[in-house]
């Protein structure tokens, strides 16, 4: 999301209430674009593992959570 735009301007442009824009901005604090991309990749890998590519769905989920947590702040 553009950092220079107000929540109200983005809300109007996206057709969302301003409070949702503010909530997403708070949730994204500490995340970089590279970190988000790496986290999405970890989720995709876990999805494949859970759907039959891996031996243990529980292990795949545990590993994904660890990787996602490590992705926050990754630059």
PDB file of N, CA and C in Angstrom:
ATOM      1  N   UNK A   1       0.841  -1.171   0.000  1.00  0.00           N
ATOM      2  CA  UNK A   1       0.000   0.000   0.000  1.00  0.00           C
ATOM      3  C   UNK A   1       0.887   1.235   0.000  1.00  0.00           C
ATOM      4  N   UNK A   2       0.505   2.229  -0.755  1.00  0.00           N
ATOM      5  CA  UNK A   2       1.288   3.459  -0.758  1.00  0.00           C
ATOM      6  C   UNK A   2       1.314   4.091   0.626  1.00  0.00           C
ATOM      7  N   UNK A   3       2.477   4.505   1.048  1.00  0.00           N
ATOM      8  CA  UNK A   3       2.600   5.073   2.390  1.00  0.00           C
ATOM      9  C   UNK A   3       2.189   6.530   2.447  1.00  0.00           C
ATOM     10  N   UNK A   4       2.223   7.225   1.328  1.00  0.00           N
ATOM     11  CA  UNK A   4       1.914   8.640   1.332  1.00  0.00           C
ATOM     12  C   UNK A   4       0.433   8.951   1.295  1.00  0.00           C
ATOM     13  N   UNK A   5      -0.399   7.969   0.988  1.00  0.00           N
ATOM     14  CA  UNK A   5      -1.837   8.204   0.865  1.00  0.00           C
ATOM     15  C   UNK A   5      -2.521   8.022   2.213  1.00  0.00           C
ATOM     16  N   UNK A   6      -3.541   8.821   2.430  1.00  0.00           N
ATOM     17  CA  UNK A   6      -4.310   8.693   3.660  1.00  0.00           C
ATOM     18  C   UNK A   6      -5.200   7.457   3.585  1.00  0.00           C
ATOM     19  N   UNK A   7      -5.613   6.999   4.743  1.00  0.00           N
ATOM     20  CA  UNK A   7      -6.512   5.841   4.802  1.00  0.00           C
ATOM     21  C   UNK A   7      -7.816   6.131   4.077  1.00  0.00           C
ATOM     22  N   UNK A   8      -8.310   7.352   4.224  1.00  0.00           N
ATOM     23  CA  UNK A   8      -9.571   7.728   3.579  1.00  0.00           C
ATOM     24  C   UNK A   8      -9.445   7.710   2.056  1.00  0.00           C
ATOM     25  N   UNK A   9      -8.315   8.204   1.535  1.00  0.00           N
ATOM     26  CA  UNK A   9      -8.102   8.220   0.087  1.00  0.00           C
ATOM     27  C   UNK A   9      -8.015   6.800  -0.457  1.00  0.00           C
ATOM     28  N   UNK A  10      -7.263   5.947   0.236  1.00  0.00           N
ATOM     29  CA  UNK A  10      -7.160   4.557  -0.215  1.00  0.00           C
ATOM     30  C   UNK A  10      -8.494   3.839  -0.093  1.00  0.00           C
ATOM     31  N   UNK A  11      -9.213   4.105   0.982  1.00  0.00           N
ATOM     32  CA  UNK A  11     -10.512   3.458   1.179  1.00  0.00           C
ATOM     33  C   UNK A  11     -11.458   3.814   0.040  1.00  0.00           C
ATOM     34  N   UNK A  12     -11.471   5.068  -0.330  1.00  0.00           N
ATOM     35  CA  UNK A  12     -12.328   5.480  -1.438  1.00  0.00           C
ATOM     36  C   UNK A  12     -11.925   4.845  -2.752  1.00  0.00           C
ATOM     37  N   UNK A  13     -10.630   4.736  -2.969  1.00  0.00           N
ATOM     38  CA  UNK A  13     -10.107   4.152  -4.208  1.00  0.00           C
ATOM     39  C   UNK A  13     -10.403   2.653  -4.279  1.00  0.00           C
ATOM     40  N   UNK A  14     -10.324   1.955  -3.131  1.00  0.00           N
ATOM     41  CA  UNK A  14     -10.503   0.509  -3.112  1.00  0.00           C
ATOM     42  C   UNK A  14     -11.930   0.071  -2.762  1.00  0.00           C
ATOM     43  N   UNK A  15     -12.762   1.016  -2.354  1.00  0.00           N
ATOM     44  CA  UNK A  15     -14.130   0.677  -1.984  1.00  0.00           C
ATOM     45  C   UNK A  15     -14.214  -0.045  -0.640  1.00  0.00           C
ATOM     46  N   UNK A  16     -13.315   0.310   0.267  1.00  0.00           N
ATOM     47  CA  UNK A  16     -13.281  -0.299   1.595  1.00  0.00           C
ATOM     48  C   UNK A  16     -13.456   0.776   2.652  1.00  0.00           C
ATOM     49  N   UNK A  17     -13.882   0.388   3.857  1.00  0.00           N
ATOM     50  CA  UNK A  17     -13.912   1.373   4.940  1.00  0.00           C
ATOM     51  C   UNK A  17     -12.488   1.720   5.384  1.00  0.00           C
ATOM     52  N   UNK A  18     -12.290   2.949   5.837  1.00  0.00           N
ATOM     53  CA  UNK A  18     -10.960   3.413   6.236  1.00  0.00           C
ATOM     54  C   UNK A  18     -10.383   2.583   7.382  1.00  0.00           C
ATOM     55  N   UNK A  19     -11.234   2.074   8.287  1.00  0.00           N
ATOM     56  CA  UNK A  19     -10.719   1.304   9.422  1.00  0.00           C
ATOM     57  C   UNK A  19     -10.038   0.023   8.956  1.00  0.00           C
ATOM     58  N   UNK A  20     -10.480  -0.555   7.837  1.00  0.00           N
ATOM     59  CA  UNK A  20      -9.819  -1.759   7.326  1.00  0.00           C
ATOM     60  C   UNK A  20      -8.423  -1.433   6.796  1.00  0.00           C
ATOM     61  N   UNK A  21      -8.296  -0.290   6.155  1.00  0.00           N
ATOM     62  CA  UNK A  21      -6.988   0.147   5.665  1.00  0.00           C
ATOM     63  C   UNK A  21      -6.042   0.325   6.849  1.00  0.00           C
ATOM     64  N   UNK A  22      -6.528   0.969   7.903  1.00  0.00           N
ATOM     65  CA  UNK A  22      -5.700   1.178   9.098  1.00  0.00           C
ATOM     66  C   UNK A  22      -5.288  -0.152   9.731  1.00  0.00           C
ATOM     67  N   UNK A  23      -6.203  -1.112   9.779  1.00  0.00           N
ATOM     68  CA  UNK A  23      -5.897  -2.417  10.372  1.00  0.00           C
ATOM     69  C   UNK A  23      -4.834  -3.153   9.564  1.00  0.00           C
ATOM     70  N   UNK A  24      -4.943  -3.127   8.249  1.00  0.00           N
ATOM     71  CA  UNK A  24      -3.950  -3.788   7.400  1.00  0.00           C
ATOM     72  C   UNK A  24      -2.586  -3.120   7.558  1.00  0.00           C
ATOM     73  N   UNK A  25      -2.574  -1.803   7.643  1.00  0.00           N
ATOM     74  CA  UNK A  25      -1.299  -1.100   7.840  1.00  0.00           C
ATOM     75  C   UNK A  25      -0.640  -1.528   9.153  1.00  0.00           C
ATOM     76  N   UNK A  26      -1.421  -1.677  10.214  1.00  0.00           N
ATOM     77  CA  UNK A  26      -0.857  -2.127  11.498  1.00  0.00           C
ATOM     78  C   UNK A  26      -0.337  -3.560  11.378  1.00  0.00           C
ATOM     79  N   UNK A  27      -1.079  -4.418  10.678  1.00  0.00           N
ATOM     80  CA  UNK A  27      -0.666  -5.811  10.525  1.00  0.00           C
ATOM     81  C   UNK A  27       0.606  -5.938   9.694  1.00  0.00           C
ATOM     82  N   UNK A  28       0.827  -5.029   8.778  1.00  0.00           N
ATOM     83  CA  UNK A  28       2.008  -5.099   7.913  1.00  0.00           C
ATOM     84  C   UNK A  28       3.256  -4.499   8.546  1.00  0.00           C
ATOM     85  N   UNK A  29       3.122  -3.881   9.699  1.00  0.00           N
ATOM     86  CA  UNK A  29       4.278  -3.285  10.361  1.00  0.00           C
ATOM     87  C   UNK A  29       5.319  -4.372  10.634  1.00  0.00           C
ATOM     88  N   UNK A  30       6.549  -4.118  10.250  1.00  0.00           N
ATOM     89  CA  UNK A  30       7.625  -5.087  10.456  1.00  0.00           C
ATOM     90  C   UNK A  30       7.817  -6.055   9.303  1.00  0.00           C
ATOM     91  N   UNK A  31       6.958  -5.988   8.301  1.00  0.00           N
ATOM     92  CA  UNK A  31       7.075  -6.879   7.138  1.00  0.00           C
ATOM     93  C   UNK A  31       7.642  -6.103   5.960  1.00  0.00           C
ATOM     94  N   UNK A  32       8.557  -6.736   5.246  1.00  0.00           N
ATOM     95  CA  UNK A  32       9.093  -6.176   4.012  1.00  0.00           C
ATOM     96  C   UNK A  32       8.468  -6.929   2.838  1.00  0.00           C
ATOM     97  N   UNK A  33       8.516  -6.372   1.647  1.00  0.00           N
ATOM     98  CA  UNK A  33       8.003  -7.118   0.491  1.00  0.00           C
ATOM     99  C   UNK A  33       8.683  -8.481   0.329  1.00  0.00           C
ATOM    100  N   UNK A  34       9.988  -8.546   0.567  1.00  0.00           N
ATOM    101  CA  UNK A  34      10.702  -9.826   0.452  1.00  0.00           C
ATOM    102  C   UNK A  34      10.239 -10.804   1.527  1.00  0.00           C
ATOM    103  N   UNK A  35       9.977 -10.305   2.719  1.00  0.00           N
ATOM    104  CA  UNK A  35       9.505 -11.167   3.798  1.00  0.00           C
ATOM    105  C   UNK A  35       8.124 -11.728   3.514  1.00  0.00           C
ATOM    106  N   UNK A  36       7.240 -10.886   2.986  1.00  0.00           N
ATOM    107  CA  UNK A  36       5.893 -11.350   2.633  1.00  0.00           C
ATOM    108  C   UNK A  36       5.981 -12.409   1.535  1.00  0.00           C
ATOM    109  N   UNK A  37       6.818 -12.166   0.539  1.00  0.00           N
ATOM    110  CA  UNK A  37       6.979 -13.136  -0.553  1.00  0.00           C
ATOM    111  C   UNK A  37       7.504 -14.468  -0.029  1.00  0.00           C
ATOM    112  N   UNK A  38       8.474 -14.419   0.870  1.00  0.00           N
ATOM    113  CA  UNK A  38       9.022 -15.651   1.434  1.00  0.00           C
ATOM    114  C   UNK A  38       7.978 -16.384   2.273  1.00  0.00           C
ATOM    115  N   UNK A  39       7.152 -15.634   3.001  1.00  0.00           N
ATOM    116  CA  UNK A  39       6.104 -16.255   3.807  1.00  0.00           C
ATOM    117  C   UNK A  39       5.054 -16.929   2.918  1.00  0.00           C
ATOM    118  N   UNK A  40       4.681 -16.268   1.836  1.00  0.00           N
ATOM    119  CA  UNK A  40       3.713 -16.862   0.902  1.00  0.00           C
ATOM    120  C   UNK A  40       4.296 -18.136   0.290  1.00  0.00           C
ATOM    121  N   UNK A  41       5.578 -18.118  -0.016  1.00  0.00           N
ATOM    122  CA  UNK A  41       6.244 -19.303  -0.559  1.00  0.00           C
ATOM    123  C   UNK A  41       6.220 -20.445   0.468  1.00  0.00           C
ATOM    124  N   UNK A  42       6.446 -20.127   1.729  1.00  0.00           N
ATOM    125  CA  UNK A  42       6.411 -21.144   2.787  1.00  0.00           C
ATOM    126  C   UNK A  42       5.018 -21.750   2.906  1.00  0.00           C
ATOM    127  N   UNK A  43       3.992 -20.923   2.777  1.00  0.00           N
ATOM    128  CA  UNK A  43       2.614 -21.421   2.835  1.00  0.00           C
ATOM    129  C   UNK A  43       2.331 -22.340   1.652  1.00  0.00           C
ATOM    130  N   UNK A  44       2.788 -21.952   0.463  1.00  0.00           N
ATOM    131  CA  UNK A  44       2.574 -22.778  -0.733  1.00  0.00           C
ATOM    132  C   UNK A  44       3.269 -24.136  -0.592  1.00  0.00           C
ATOM    133  N   UNK A  45       4.484 -24.130  -0.067  1.00  0.00           N
ATOM    134  CA  UNK A  45       5.193 -25.393   0.138  1.00  0.00           C
ATOM    135  C   UNK A  45       4.486 -26.261   1.164  1.00  0.00           C
ATOM    136  N   UNK A  46       4.013 -25.656   2.239  1.00  0.00           N
ATOM    137  CA  UNK A  46       3.293 -26.419   3.267  1.00  0.00           C
ATOM    138  C   UNK A  46       2.013 -26.993   2.695  1.00  0.00           C
ATOM    139  N   UNK A  47       1.320 -26.229   1.868  1.00  0.00           N
ATOM    140  CA  UNK A  47       0.091 -26.707   1.246  1.00  0.00           C
ATOM    141  C   UNK A  47       0.357 -27.961   0.420  1.00  0.00           C
ATOM    142  N   UNK A  48       1.418 -27.927  -0.359  1.00  0.00           N
ATOM    143  CA  UNK A  48       1.768 -29.100  -1.175  1.00  0.00           C
ATOM    144  C   UNK A  48       2.134 -30.287  -0.294  1.00  0.00           C
ATOM    145  N   UNK A  49       2.876 -30.036   0.779  1.00  0.00           N
ATOM    146  CA  UNK A  49       3.276 -31.122   1.678  1.00  0.00           C
ATOM    147  C   UNK A  49       2.056 -31.756   2.350  1.00  0.00           C
ATOM    148  N   UNK A  50       1.130 -30.916   2.789  1.00  0.00           N
ATOM    149  CA  UNK A  50      -0.068 -31.414   3.467  1.00  0.00           C
ATOM    150  C   UNK A  50      -0.951 -32.196   2.506  1.00  0.00           C
ATOM    151  N   UNK A  51      -0.945 -31.815   1.238  1.00  0.00           N
ATOM    152  CA  UNK A  51      -1.806 -32.462   0.253  1.00  0.00           C
ATOM    153  C   UNK A  51      -1.164 -33.688  -0.381  1.00  0.00           C
ATOM    154  N   UNK A  52      -0.137 -34.226   0.240  1.00  0.00           N
ATOM    155  CA  UNK A  52       0.363 -35.504  -0.217  1.00  0.00           C
ATOM    156  C   UNK A  52       1.805 -35.571  -0.648  1.00  0.00           C
ATOM    157  N   UNK A  53       2.482 -34.459  -0.818  1.00  0.00           N
ATOM    158  CA  UNK A  53       3.876 -34.513  -1.248  1.00  0.00           C
ATOM    159  C   UNK A  53       4.823 -34.838  -0.107  1.00  0.00           C
ATOM    160  N   UNK A  54       4.371 -34.671   1.116  1.00  0.00           N
ATOM    161  CA  UNK A  54       5.235 -34.922   2.264  1.00  0.00           C
ATOM    162  C   UNK A  54       4.764 -36.113   3.066  1.00  0.00           C
ATOM    163  N   UNK A  55       5.613 -36.560   3.954  1.00  0.00           N
ATOM    164  CA  UNK A  55       5.291 -37.720   4.778  1.00  0.00           C
ATOM    165  C   UNK A  55       4.437 -37.352   5.980  1.00  0.00           C
ATOM    166  N   UNK A  56       4.595 -36.127   6.490  1.00  0.00           N
ATOM    167  CA  UNK A  56       3.906 -35.744   7.713  1.00  0.00           C
ATOM    168  C   UNK A  56       3.310 -34.347   7.575  1.00  0.00           C
ATOM    169  N   UNK A  57       1.984 -34.294   7.610  1.00  0.00           N
ATOM    170  CA  UNK A  57       1.306 -32.999   7.528  1.00  0.00           C
ATOM    171  C   UNK A  57       1.625 -32.146   8.752  1.00  0.00           C
ATOM    172  N   UNK A  58       1.721 -32.768   9.909  1.00  0.00           N
ATOM    173  CA  UNK A  58       2.034 -32.040  11.133  1.00  0.00           C
ATOM    174  C   UNK A  58       3.398 -31.388  11.076  1.00  0.00           C
ATOM    175  N   UNK A  59       4.379 -32.119  10.566  1.00  0.00           N
ATOM    176  CA  UNK A  59       5.731 -31.570  10.437  1.00  0.00           C
ATOM    177  C   UNK A  59       5.741 -30.430   9.430  1.00  0.00           C
ATOM    178  N   UNK A  60       5.006 -30.584   8.329  1.00  0.00           N
ATOM    179  CA  UNK A  60       4.946 -29.534   7.306  1.00  0.00           C
ATOM    180  C   UNK A  60       4.368 -28.258   7.896  1.00  0.00           C
ATOM    181  N   UNK A  61       3.331 -28.381   8.699  1.00  0.00           N
ATOM    182  CA  UNK A  61       2.721 -27.219   9.320  1.00  0.00           C
ATOM    183  C   UNK A  61       3.672 -26.570  10.327  1.00  0.00           C
ATOM    184  N   UNK A  62       4.318 -27.382  11.139  1.00  0.00           N
ATOM    185  CA  UNK A  62       5.276 -26.864  12.122  1.00  0.00           C
ATOM    186  C   UNK A  62       6.411 -26.107  11.431  1.00  0.00           C
ATOM    187  N   UNK A  63       6.931 -26.687  10.381  1.00  0.00           N
ATOM    188  CA  UNK A  63       8.027 -26.054   9.631  1.00  0.00           C
ATOM    189  C   UNK A  63       7.566 -24.749   8.986  1.00  0.00           C
ATOM    190  N   UNK A  64       6.343 -24.742   8.445  1.00  0.00           N
ATOM    191  CA  UNK A  64       5.822 -23.533   7.807  1.00  0.00           C
ATOM    192  C   UNK A  64       5.680 -22.401   8.820  1.00  0.00           C
ATOM    193  N   UNK A  65       5.181 -22.712   9.991  1.00  0.00           N
ATOM    194  CA  UNK A  65       5.015 -21.677  11.016  1.00  0.00           C
ATOM    195  C   UNK A  65       6.368 -21.090  11.396  1.00  0.00           C
ATOM    196  N   UNK A  66       7.355 -21.932  11.584  1.00  0.00           N
ATOM    197  CA  UNK A  66       8.696 -21.448  11.924  1.00  0.00           C
ATOM    198  C   UNK A  66       9.262 -20.555  10.820  1.00  0.00           C
ATOM    199  N   UNK A  67       9.066 -20.973   9.584  1.00  0.00           N
ATOM    200  CA  UNK A  67       9.586 -20.190   8.457  1.00  0.00           C
ATOM    201  C   UNK A  67       8.866 -18.857   8.322  1.00  0.00           C
ATOM    202  N   UNK A  68       7.550 -18.843   8.539  1.00  0.00           N
ATOM    203  CA  UNK A  68       6.782 -17.618   8.417  1.00  0.00           C
ATOM    204  C   UNK A  68       7.199 -16.623   9.488  1.00  0.00           C
ATOM    205  N   UNK A  69       7.364 -17.103  10.707  1.00  0.00           N
ATOM    206  CA  UNK A  69       7.803 -16.222  11.797  1.00  0.00           C
ATOM    207  C   UNK A  69       9.171 -15.624  11.474  1.00  0.00           C
ATOM    208  N   UNK A  70      10.057 -16.424  10.908  1.00  0.00           N
ATOM    209  CA  UNK A  70      11.407 -15.952  10.564  1.00  0.00           C
ATOM    210  C   UNK A  70      11.375 -14.933   9.422  1.00  0.00           C
ATOM    211  N   UNK A  71      10.330 -14.944   8.617  1.00  0.00           N
ATOM    212  CA  UNK A  71      10.241 -14.045   7.464  1.00  0.00           C
ATOM    213  C   UNK A  71       9.924 -12.609   7.866  1.00  0.00           C
ATOM    214  N   UNK A  72       9.350 -12.412   9.025  1.00  0.00           N
ATOM    215  CA  UNK A  72       9.000 -11.056   9.444  1.00  0.00           C
ATOM    216  C   UNK A  72      10.263 -10.238   9.646  1.00  0.00           C
ATOM    217  N   UNK A  73      10.318  -9.115   8.995  1.00  0.00           N
ATOM    218  CA  UNK A  73      11.478  -8.247   9.082  1.00  0.00           C
ATOM    219  C   UNK A  73      12.605  -8.643   8.146  1.00  0.00           C
ATOM    220  N   UNK A  74      12.403  -9.721   7.392  1.00  0.00           N
ATOM    221  CA  UNK A  74      13.429 -10.171   6.438  1.00  0.00           C
ATOM    222  C   UNK A  74      13.555  -9.148   5.328  1.00  0.00           C
ATOM    223  N   UNK A  75      14.763  -8.818   4.981  1.00  0.00           N
ATOM    224  CA  UNK A  75      14.948  -7.782   3.959  1.00  0.00           C
ATOM    225  C   UNK A  75      15.591  -8.196   2.768  1.00  0.00           C
TER     226      UNK A  75
END
